[in-house]
Amino acid sequence: MSQPDDVTACPSDLDKQSKLTWKRTRALIVKEGRWRPEYSLLLERYVTAVEVGRLARERISDRAAKDGEAAAYQTRGSQGQLVQHPDLKTAREAERDANEYARELMLTPAARAKMGEEPQKAARGKFAGAFGA
């Protein structure tokens, strides 16, 4: 991670999509009046974890398209046995980390509920009653 001198600036080593995630997420936190300079490193960790997970999932998808579904999720281990592909573990761990950072940044519905914010209710459609809404 490359922490910028200005803690409000987007880190330069993020890819284009991750820079957009950084800017949108920071803008949301600022709009809500919750931004603090000390959130900068936490936001960078969140965005980096999202990026790592996204890139691992993209590699899985690329392998599936090129070599089939089995090759996307499995590889050969040191003894020649089939094992889970490392990208799957990378994606899951990065996504788990991103979720933890999202909670700390109060970006998840559960974190917002604890903060006292009501989650936005979905618009009631004609089938809302059938599903307990």
N, C-alpha and C. Protein backbone atom coordinates (compact mmCIF):
# COMPACT_ATOMS: atom_id res chain seq x y z
N MET A 1 0.84 -1.18 0.00
CA MET A 1 0.00 0.00 0.00
C MET A 1 0.88 1.23 0.00
N SER A 2 0.48 2.19 -0.77
CA SER A 2 1.26 3.42 -0.83
C SER A 2 0.41 4.55 -0.27
N GLN A 3 0.66 4.89 0.97
CA GLN A 3 -0.10 5.93 1.63
C GLN A 3 0.30 7.28 1.05
N PRO A 4 -0.66 8.05 0.51
CA PRO A 4 -0.34 9.35 -0.04
C PRO A 4 0.00 10.34 1.08
N ASP A 5 0.71 11.41 0.71
CA ASP A 5 1.02 12.45 1.68
C ASP A 5 -0.25 13.12 2.19
N ASP A 6 -1.18 13.36 1.29
CA ASP A 6 -2.47 13.94 1.64
C ASP A 6 -3.41 12.78 1.95
N VAL A 7 -3.83 12.65 3.20
CA VAL A 7 -4.63 11.49 3.59
C VAL A 7 -6.00 11.46 2.94
N THR A 8 -6.38 12.52 2.24
CA THR A 8 -7.66 12.51 1.55
C THR A 8 -7.50 12.12 0.08
N ALA A 9 -6.24 12.02 -0.38
CA ALA A 9 -5.99 11.68 -1.78
C ALA A 9 -6.07 10.18 -1.99
N CYS A 10 -6.50 9.82 -3.17
CA CYS A 10 -6.61 8.41 -3.54
C CYS A 10 -5.20 7.84 -3.74
N PRO A 11 -4.91 6.67 -3.18
CA PRO A 11 -3.59 6.06 -3.38
C PRO A 11 -3.31 5.84 -4.87
N SER A 12 -2.10 6.10 -5.29
CA SER A 12 -1.74 6.04 -6.71
C SER A 12 -1.59 4.62 -7.24
N ASP A 13 -1.39 3.64 -6.37
CA ASP A 13 -1.14 2.28 -6.86
C ASP A 13 -2.41 1.45 -7.07
N LEU A 14 -3.58 2.05 -6.88
CA LEU A 14 -4.83 1.34 -7.14
C LEU A 14 -5.12 1.35 -8.63
N ASP A 15 -5.82 0.32 -9.12
CA ASP A 15 -6.21 0.33 -10.53
C ASP A 15 -7.39 1.29 -10.72
N LYS A 16 -7.76 1.50 -11.97
CA LYS A 16 -8.79 2.50 -12.30
C LYS A 16 -10.12 2.23 -11.58
N GLN A 17 -10.56 1.00 -11.60
CA GLN A 17 -11.83 0.65 -10.95
C GLN A 17 -11.75 0.87 -9.45
N SER A 18 -10.61 0.55 -8.85
CA SER A 18 -10.45 0.72 -7.41
C SER A 18 -10.37 2.20 -7.03
N LYS A 19 -9.76 3.00 -7.87
CA LYS A 19 -9.73 4.45 -7.61
C LYS A 19 -11.15 5.01 -7.60
N LEU A 20 -11.98 4.51 -8.50
CA LEU A 20 -13.37 4.93 -8.53
C LEU A 20 -14.09 4.49 -7.25
N THR A 21 -13.83 3.28 -6.80
CA THR A 21 -14.42 2.80 -5.55
C THR A 21 -13.98 3.67 -4.38
N TRP A 22 -12.68 4.00 -4.34
CA TRP A 22 -12.15 4.89 -3.30
C TRP A 22 -12.91 6.21 -3.30
N LYS A 23 -13.00 6.84 -4.47
CA LYS A 23 -13.62 8.17 -4.57
C LYS A 23 -15.09 8.13 -4.18
N ARG A 24 -15.81 7.14 -4.66
CA ARG A 24 -17.24 7.04 -4.34
C ARG A 24 -17.47 6.75 -2.87
N THR A 25 -16.67 5.85 -2.31
CA THR A 25 -16.84 5.50 -0.90
C THR A 25 -16.49 6.67 -0.01
N ARG A 26 -15.39 7.32 -0.31
CA ARG A 26 -14.99 8.48 0.50
C ARG A 26 -16.03 9.59 0.39
N ALA A 27 -16.54 9.82 -0.82
CA ALA A 27 -17.57 10.85 -1.02
C ALA A 27 -18.82 10.54 -0.18
N LEU A 28 -19.21 9.27 -0.11
CA LEU A 28 -20.36 8.88 0.69
C LEU A 28 -20.12 9.18 2.16
N ILE A 29 -18.95 8.80 2.65
CA ILE A 29 -18.63 9.03 4.07
C ILE A 29 -18.58 10.52 4.37
N VAL A 30 -17.99 11.29 3.46
CA VAL A 30 -17.94 12.75 3.64
C VAL A 30 -19.34 13.33 3.65
N LYS A 31 -20.17 12.90 2.68
CA LYS A 31 -21.55 13.40 2.58
C LYS A 31 -22.32 13.14 3.87
N GLU A 32 -22.07 11.99 4.49
CA GLU A 32 -22.75 11.64 5.73
C GLU A 32 -22.14 12.35 6.94
N GLY A 33 -21.06 13.10 6.72
CA GLY A 33 -20.43 13.84 7.81
C GLY A 33 -19.62 12.97 8.76
N ARG A 34 -19.20 11.81 8.29
CA ARG A 34 -18.47 10.88 9.15
C ARG A 34 -16.98 10.79 8.84
N TRP A 35 -16.50 11.47 7.80
CA TRP A 35 -15.09 11.32 7.41
C TRP A 35 -14.17 11.93 8.45
N ARG A 36 -13.14 11.18 8.77
CA ARG A 36 -12.04 11.63 9.64
C ARG A 36 -10.75 11.27 8.92
N PRO A 37 -9.72 12.11 9.01
CA PRO A 37 -8.46 11.80 8.32
C PRO A 37 -7.89 10.43 8.69
N GLU A 38 -8.14 9.98 9.91
CA GLU A 38 -7.61 8.67 10.32
C GLU A 38 -8.31 7.51 9.63
N TYR A 39 -9.41 7.76 8.91
CA TYR A 39 -10.09 6.71 8.14
C TYR A 39 -9.36 6.39 6.84
N SER A 40 -8.40 7.21 6.47
CA SER A 40 -7.73 7.05 5.18
C SER A 40 -7.10 5.67 5.01
N LEU A 41 -6.35 5.22 5.99
CA LEU A 41 -5.70 3.90 5.89
C LEU A 41 -6.74 2.78 5.87
N LEU A 42 -7.77 2.91 6.68
CA LEU A 42 -8.84 1.92 6.70
C LEU A 42 -9.56 1.87 5.35
N LEU A 43 -9.82 3.02 4.76
CA LEU A 43 -10.45 3.06 3.44
C LEU A 43 -9.53 2.43 2.39
N GLU A 44 -8.24 2.70 2.48
CA GLU A 44 -7.29 2.09 1.54
C GLU A 44 -7.30 0.57 1.68
N ARG A 45 -7.32 0.09 2.91
CA ARG A 45 -7.36 -1.36 3.13
C ARG A 45 -8.65 -1.96 2.56
N TYR A 46 -9.76 -1.29 2.78
CA TYR A 46 -11.04 -1.76 2.24
C TYR A 46 -10.99 -1.84 0.72
N VAL A 47 -10.56 -0.77 0.08
CA VAL A 47 -10.53 -0.73 -1.38
C VAL A 47 -9.53 -1.74 -1.93
N THR A 48 -8.39 -1.89 -1.29
CA THR A 48 -7.39 -2.87 -1.74
C THR A 48 -7.93 -4.29 -1.62
N ALA A 49 -8.62 -4.59 -0.53
CA ALA A 49 -9.21 -5.93 -0.37
C ALA A 49 -10.26 -6.19 -1.44
N VAL A 50 -11.09 -5.19 -1.72
CA VAL A 50 -12.08 -5.33 -2.80
C VAL A 50 -11.37 -5.60 -4.12
N GLU A 51 -10.29 -4.86 -4.38
CA GLU A 51 -9.52 -5.02 -5.62
C GLU A 51 -8.92 -6.43 -5.72
N VAL A 52 -8.29 -6.90 -4.67
CA VAL A 52 -7.68 -8.23 -4.68
C VAL A 52 -8.73 -9.30 -4.94
N GLY A 53 -9.86 -9.20 -4.27
CA GLY A 53 -10.94 -10.16 -4.48
C GLY A 53 -11.48 -10.10 -5.91
N ARG A 54 -11.67 -8.90 -6.42
CA ARG A 54 -12.17 -8.74 -7.78
C ARG A 54 -11.21 -9.32 -8.80
N LEU A 55 -9.92 -9.05 -8.64
CA LEU A 55 -8.93 -9.56 -9.59
C LEU A 55 -8.83 -11.08 -9.54
N ALA A 56 -8.91 -11.66 -8.34
CA ALA A 56 -8.90 -13.12 -8.23
C ALA A 56 -10.12 -13.73 -8.91
N ARG A 57 -11.28 -13.12 -8.71
CA ARG A 57 -12.51 -13.61 -9.37
C ARG A 57 -12.41 -13.47 -10.89
N GLU A 58 -11.78 -12.40 -11.36
CA GLU A 58 -11.59 -12.24 -12.80
C GLU A 58 -10.70 -13.34 -13.36
N ARG A 59 -9.64 -13.69 -12.64
CA ARG A 59 -8.77 -14.78 -13.09
C ARG A 59 -9.53 -16.10 -13.14
N ILE A 60 -10.37 -16.33 -12.14
CA ILE A 60 -11.19 -17.55 -12.12
C ILE A 60 -12.10 -17.57 -13.35
N SER A 61 -12.75 -16.47 -13.63
CA SER A 61 -13.65 -16.38 -14.79
C SER A 61 -12.89 -16.58 -16.10
N ASP A 62 -11.71 -15.98 -16.20
CA ASP A 62 -10.89 -16.13 -17.40
C ASP A 62 -10.52 -17.60 -17.62
N ARG A 63 -10.12 -18.28 -16.54
CA ARG A 63 -9.77 -19.70 -16.67
C ARG A 63 -10.99 -20.53 -17.06
N ALA A 64 -12.14 -20.20 -16.50
CA ALA A 64 -13.37 -20.95 -16.83
C ALA A 64 -13.70 -20.79 -18.31
N ALA A 65 -13.55 -19.57 -18.82
CA ALA A 65 -13.85 -19.33 -20.23
C ALA A 65 -12.85 -20.03 -21.14
N LYS A 66 -11.60 -20.05 -20.73
CA LYS A 66 -10.53 -20.61 -21.56
C LYS A 66 -10.44 -22.14 -21.44
N ASP A 67 -10.49 -22.65 -20.19
CA ASP A 67 -10.20 -24.06 -19.95
C ASP A 67 -11.36 -24.87 -19.36
N GLY A 68 -12.50 -24.23 -19.10
CA GLY A 68 -13.64 -24.92 -18.52
C GLY A 68 -13.76 -24.70 -17.03
N GLU A 69 -14.95 -24.99 -16.52
CA GLU A 69 -15.25 -24.75 -15.10
C GLU A 69 -14.32 -25.48 -14.15
N ALA A 70 -14.01 -26.74 -14.42
CA ALA A 70 -13.16 -27.50 -13.50
C ALA A 70 -11.80 -26.83 -13.33
N ALA A 71 -11.21 -26.36 -14.43
CA ALA A 71 -9.90 -25.71 -14.36
C ALA A 71 -9.97 -24.37 -13.63
N ALA A 72 -11.14 -23.78 -13.60
CA ALA A 72 -11.29 -22.48 -12.94
C ALA A 72 -11.13 -22.61 -11.43
N TYR A 73 -11.56 -23.72 -10.87
CA TYR A 73 -11.60 -23.87 -9.42
C TYR A 73 -10.63 -24.91 -8.87
N GLN A 74 -10.01 -25.69 -9.74
CA GLN A 74 -9.10 -26.73 -9.28
C GLN A 74 -7.77 -26.65 -10.02
N THR A 75 -6.75 -27.18 -9.36
CA THR A 75 -5.43 -27.30 -9.96
C THR A 75 -4.79 -28.55 -9.38
N ARG A 76 -3.62 -28.88 -9.87
CA ARG A 76 -2.91 -30.05 -9.34
C ARG A 76 -2.01 -29.64 -8.19
N GLY A 77 -2.05 -30.44 -7.13
CA GLY A 77 -1.20 -30.20 -5.97
C GLY A 77 0.19 -30.79 -6.18
N SER A 78 1.02 -30.71 -5.17
CA SER A 78 2.41 -31.17 -5.25
C SER A 78 2.52 -32.67 -5.50
N GLN A 79 1.50 -33.43 -5.13
CA GLN A 79 1.50 -34.89 -5.34
C GLN A 79 0.67 -35.29 -6.56
N GLY A 80 0.26 -34.28 -7.35
CA GLY A 80 -0.52 -34.56 -8.54
C GLY A 80 -2.01 -34.66 -8.29
N GLN A 81 -2.44 -34.50 -7.04
CA GLN A 81 -3.85 -34.60 -6.71
C GLN A 81 -4.57 -33.29 -7.05
N LEU A 82 -5.88 -33.37 -7.26
CA LEU A 82 -6.68 -32.17 -7.49
C LEU A 82 -6.86 -31.44 -6.17
N VAL A 83 -6.61 -30.13 -6.20
CA VAL A 83 -6.80 -29.28 -5.02
C VAL A 83 -7.52 -28.01 -5.46
N GLN A 84 -8.06 -27.33 -4.49
CA GLN A 84 -8.70 -26.05 -4.75
C GLN A 84 -7.68 -25.07 -5.33
N HIS A 85 -8.08 -24.32 -6.34
CA HIS A 85 -7.16 -23.34 -6.93
C HIS A 85 -6.90 -22.22 -5.92
N PRO A 86 -5.66 -21.77 -5.79
CA PRO A 86 -5.33 -20.71 -4.83
C PRO A 86 -6.13 -19.42 -5.02
N ASP A 87 -6.55 -19.12 -6.25
CA ASP A 87 -7.33 -17.90 -6.48
C ASP A 87 -8.66 -17.92 -5.73
N LEU A 88 -9.22 -19.10 -5.54
CA LEU A 88 -10.48 -19.19 -4.82
C LEU A 88 -10.29 -18.77 -3.36
N LYS A 89 -9.22 -19.25 -2.74
CA LYS A 89 -8.92 -18.86 -1.35
C LYS A 89 -8.59 -17.37 -1.29
N THR A 90 -7.82 -16.89 -2.25
CA THR A 90 -7.46 -15.47 -2.29
C THR A 90 -8.72 -14.61 -2.36
N ALA A 91 -9.64 -14.98 -3.25
CA ALA A 91 -10.88 -14.21 -3.41
C ALA A 91 -11.69 -14.21 -2.12
N ARG A 92 -11.88 -15.40 -1.53
CA ARG A 92 -12.68 -15.48 -0.31
C ARG A 92 -12.07 -14.69 0.84
N GLU A 93 -10.77 -14.81 1.01
CA GLU A 93 -10.12 -14.08 2.11
C GLU A 93 -10.17 -12.57 1.89
N ALA A 94 -9.95 -12.14 0.66
CA ALA A 94 -10.00 -10.70 0.37
C ALA A 94 -11.41 -10.16 0.58
N GLU A 95 -12.41 -10.92 0.14
CA GLU A 95 -13.80 -10.50 0.32
C GLU A 95 -14.18 -10.45 1.80
N ARG A 96 -13.69 -11.40 2.57
CA ARG A 96 -13.94 -11.40 4.02
C ARG A 96 -13.27 -10.17 4.66
N ASP A 97 -12.04 -9.89 4.25
CA ASP A 97 -11.35 -8.70 4.77
C ASP A 97 -12.10 -7.43 4.38
N ALA A 98 -12.53 -7.35 3.13
CA ALA A 98 -13.26 -6.16 2.66
C ALA A 98 -14.52 -5.96 3.49
N ASN A 99 -15.22 -7.05 3.79
CA ASN A 99 -16.44 -6.95 4.59
C ASN A 99 -16.13 -6.44 6.00
N GLU A 100 -15.03 -6.91 6.57
CA GLU A 100 -14.63 -6.43 7.91
C GLU A 100 -14.34 -4.93 7.88
N TYR A 101 -13.58 -4.49 6.88
CA TYR A 101 -13.28 -3.06 6.76
C TYR A 101 -14.54 -2.25 6.49
N ALA A 102 -15.45 -2.81 5.69
CA ALA A 102 -16.72 -2.12 5.40
C ALA A 102 -17.51 -1.91 6.69
N ARG A 103 -17.52 -2.92 7.56
CA ARG A 103 -18.21 -2.77 8.85
C ARG A 103 -17.57 -1.65 9.67
N GLU A 104 -16.24 -1.62 9.70
CA GLU A 104 -15.55 -0.59 10.47
C GLU A 104 -15.83 0.80 9.92
N LEU A 105 -16.00 0.89 8.61
CA LEU A 105 -16.32 2.17 7.97
C LEU A 105 -17.82 2.48 8.00
N MET A 106 -18.58 1.57 8.61
CA MET A 106 -20.03 1.69 8.72
C MET A 106 -20.70 1.76 7.34
N LEU A 107 -20.28 0.86 6.45
CA LEU A 107 -20.83 0.80 5.11
C LEU A 107 -21.85 -0.32 4.95
N THR A 108 -21.91 -1.26 5.89
CA THR A 108 -22.83 -2.39 5.77
C THR A 108 -24.16 -2.05 6.45
N PRO A 109 -25.24 -2.70 6.02
CA PRO A 109 -26.54 -2.46 6.68
C PRO A 109 -26.49 -2.76 8.18
N ALA A 110 -25.80 -3.83 8.58
CA ALA A 110 -25.72 -4.18 10.00
C ALA A 110 -24.99 -3.10 10.79
N ALA A 111 -23.90 -2.58 10.24
CA ALA A 111 -23.15 -1.52 10.93
C ALA A 111 -23.98 -0.25 11.03
N ARG A 112 -24.74 0.04 9.97
CA ARG A 112 -25.59 1.24 9.98
C ARG A 112 -26.72 1.08 11.00
N ALA A 113 -27.25 -0.13 11.12
CA ALA A 113 -28.30 -0.36 12.09
C ALA A 113 -27.78 -0.15 13.51
N LYS A 114 -26.58 -0.62 13.78
CA LYS A 114 -25.97 -0.41 15.10
C LYS A 114 -25.73 1.07 15.36
N MET A 115 -25.46 1.80 14.26
CA MET A 115 -25.21 3.23 14.37
C MET A 115 -26.51 3.99 14.59
N GLY A 116 -27.64 3.28 14.44
CA GLY A 116 -28.93 3.92 14.65
C GLY A 116 -29.63 4.36 13.38
N GLU A 117 -29.07 4.01 12.23
CA GLU A 117 -29.71 4.36 10.97
C GLU A 117 -30.62 3.23 10.56
N GLU A 118 -31.79 3.57 10.12
CA GLU A 118 -32.71 2.57 9.59
C GLU A 118 -32.30 2.25 8.17
N PRO A 119 -32.23 0.97 7.82
CA PRO A 119 -31.96 0.64 6.42
C PRO A 119 -33.11 1.13 5.56
N GLN A 120 -32.80 1.57 4.35
CA GLN A 120 -33.84 2.03 3.46
C GLN A 120 -34.74 0.87 3.09
N LYS A 121 -36.03 1.10 3.21
CA LYS A 121 -36.98 0.05 2.87
C LYS A 121 -37.17 0.02 1.36
N ALA A 122 -37.26 -1.20 0.84
CA ALA A 122 -37.48 -1.37 -0.58
C ALA A 122 -38.89 -0.90 -0.92
N ALA A 123 -39.03 -0.41 -2.12
CA ALA A 123 -40.35 0.02 -2.58
C ALA A 123 -41.29 -1.18 -2.58
N ARG A 124 -42.49 -0.96 -2.15
CA ARG A 124 -43.48 -2.05 -2.09
C ARG A 124 -44.06 -2.28 -3.47
N GLY A 125 -43.85 -3.47 -3.97
CA GLY A 125 -44.43 -3.85 -5.24
C GLY A 125 -45.69 -4.65 -5.00
N LYS A 126 -46.33 -5.10 -6.06
CA LYS A 126 -47.60 -5.81 -5.90
C LYS A 126 -47.43 -7.18 -5.23
N PHE A 127 -46.19 -7.72 -5.18
CA PHE A 127 -45.96 -9.00 -4.54
C PHE A 127 -45.32 -8.87 -3.16
N ALA A 128 -45.18 -7.65 -2.65
CA ALA A 128 -44.49 -7.43 -1.39
C ALA A 128 -45.11 -8.21 -0.25
N GLY A 129 -46.43 -8.27 -0.17
CA GLY A 129 -47.11 -8.98 0.91
C GLY A 129 -46.84 -10.47 0.88
N ALA A 130 -46.63 -11.01 -0.29
CA ALA A 130 -46.41 -12.45 -0.44
C ALA A 130 -45.07 -12.87 0.15
N PHE A 131 -44.14 -11.94 0.26
CA PHE A 131 -42.80 -12.26 0.74
C PHE A 131 -42.54 -11.65 2.11
N GLY A 132 -43.58 -11.26 2.79
CA GLY A 132 -43.44 -10.77 4.15
C GLY A 132 -42.96 -9.35 4.27
N ALA A 133 -42.97 -8.60 3.18
CA ALA A 133 -42.50 -7.22 3.24
C ALA A 133 -43.64 -6.31 3.66
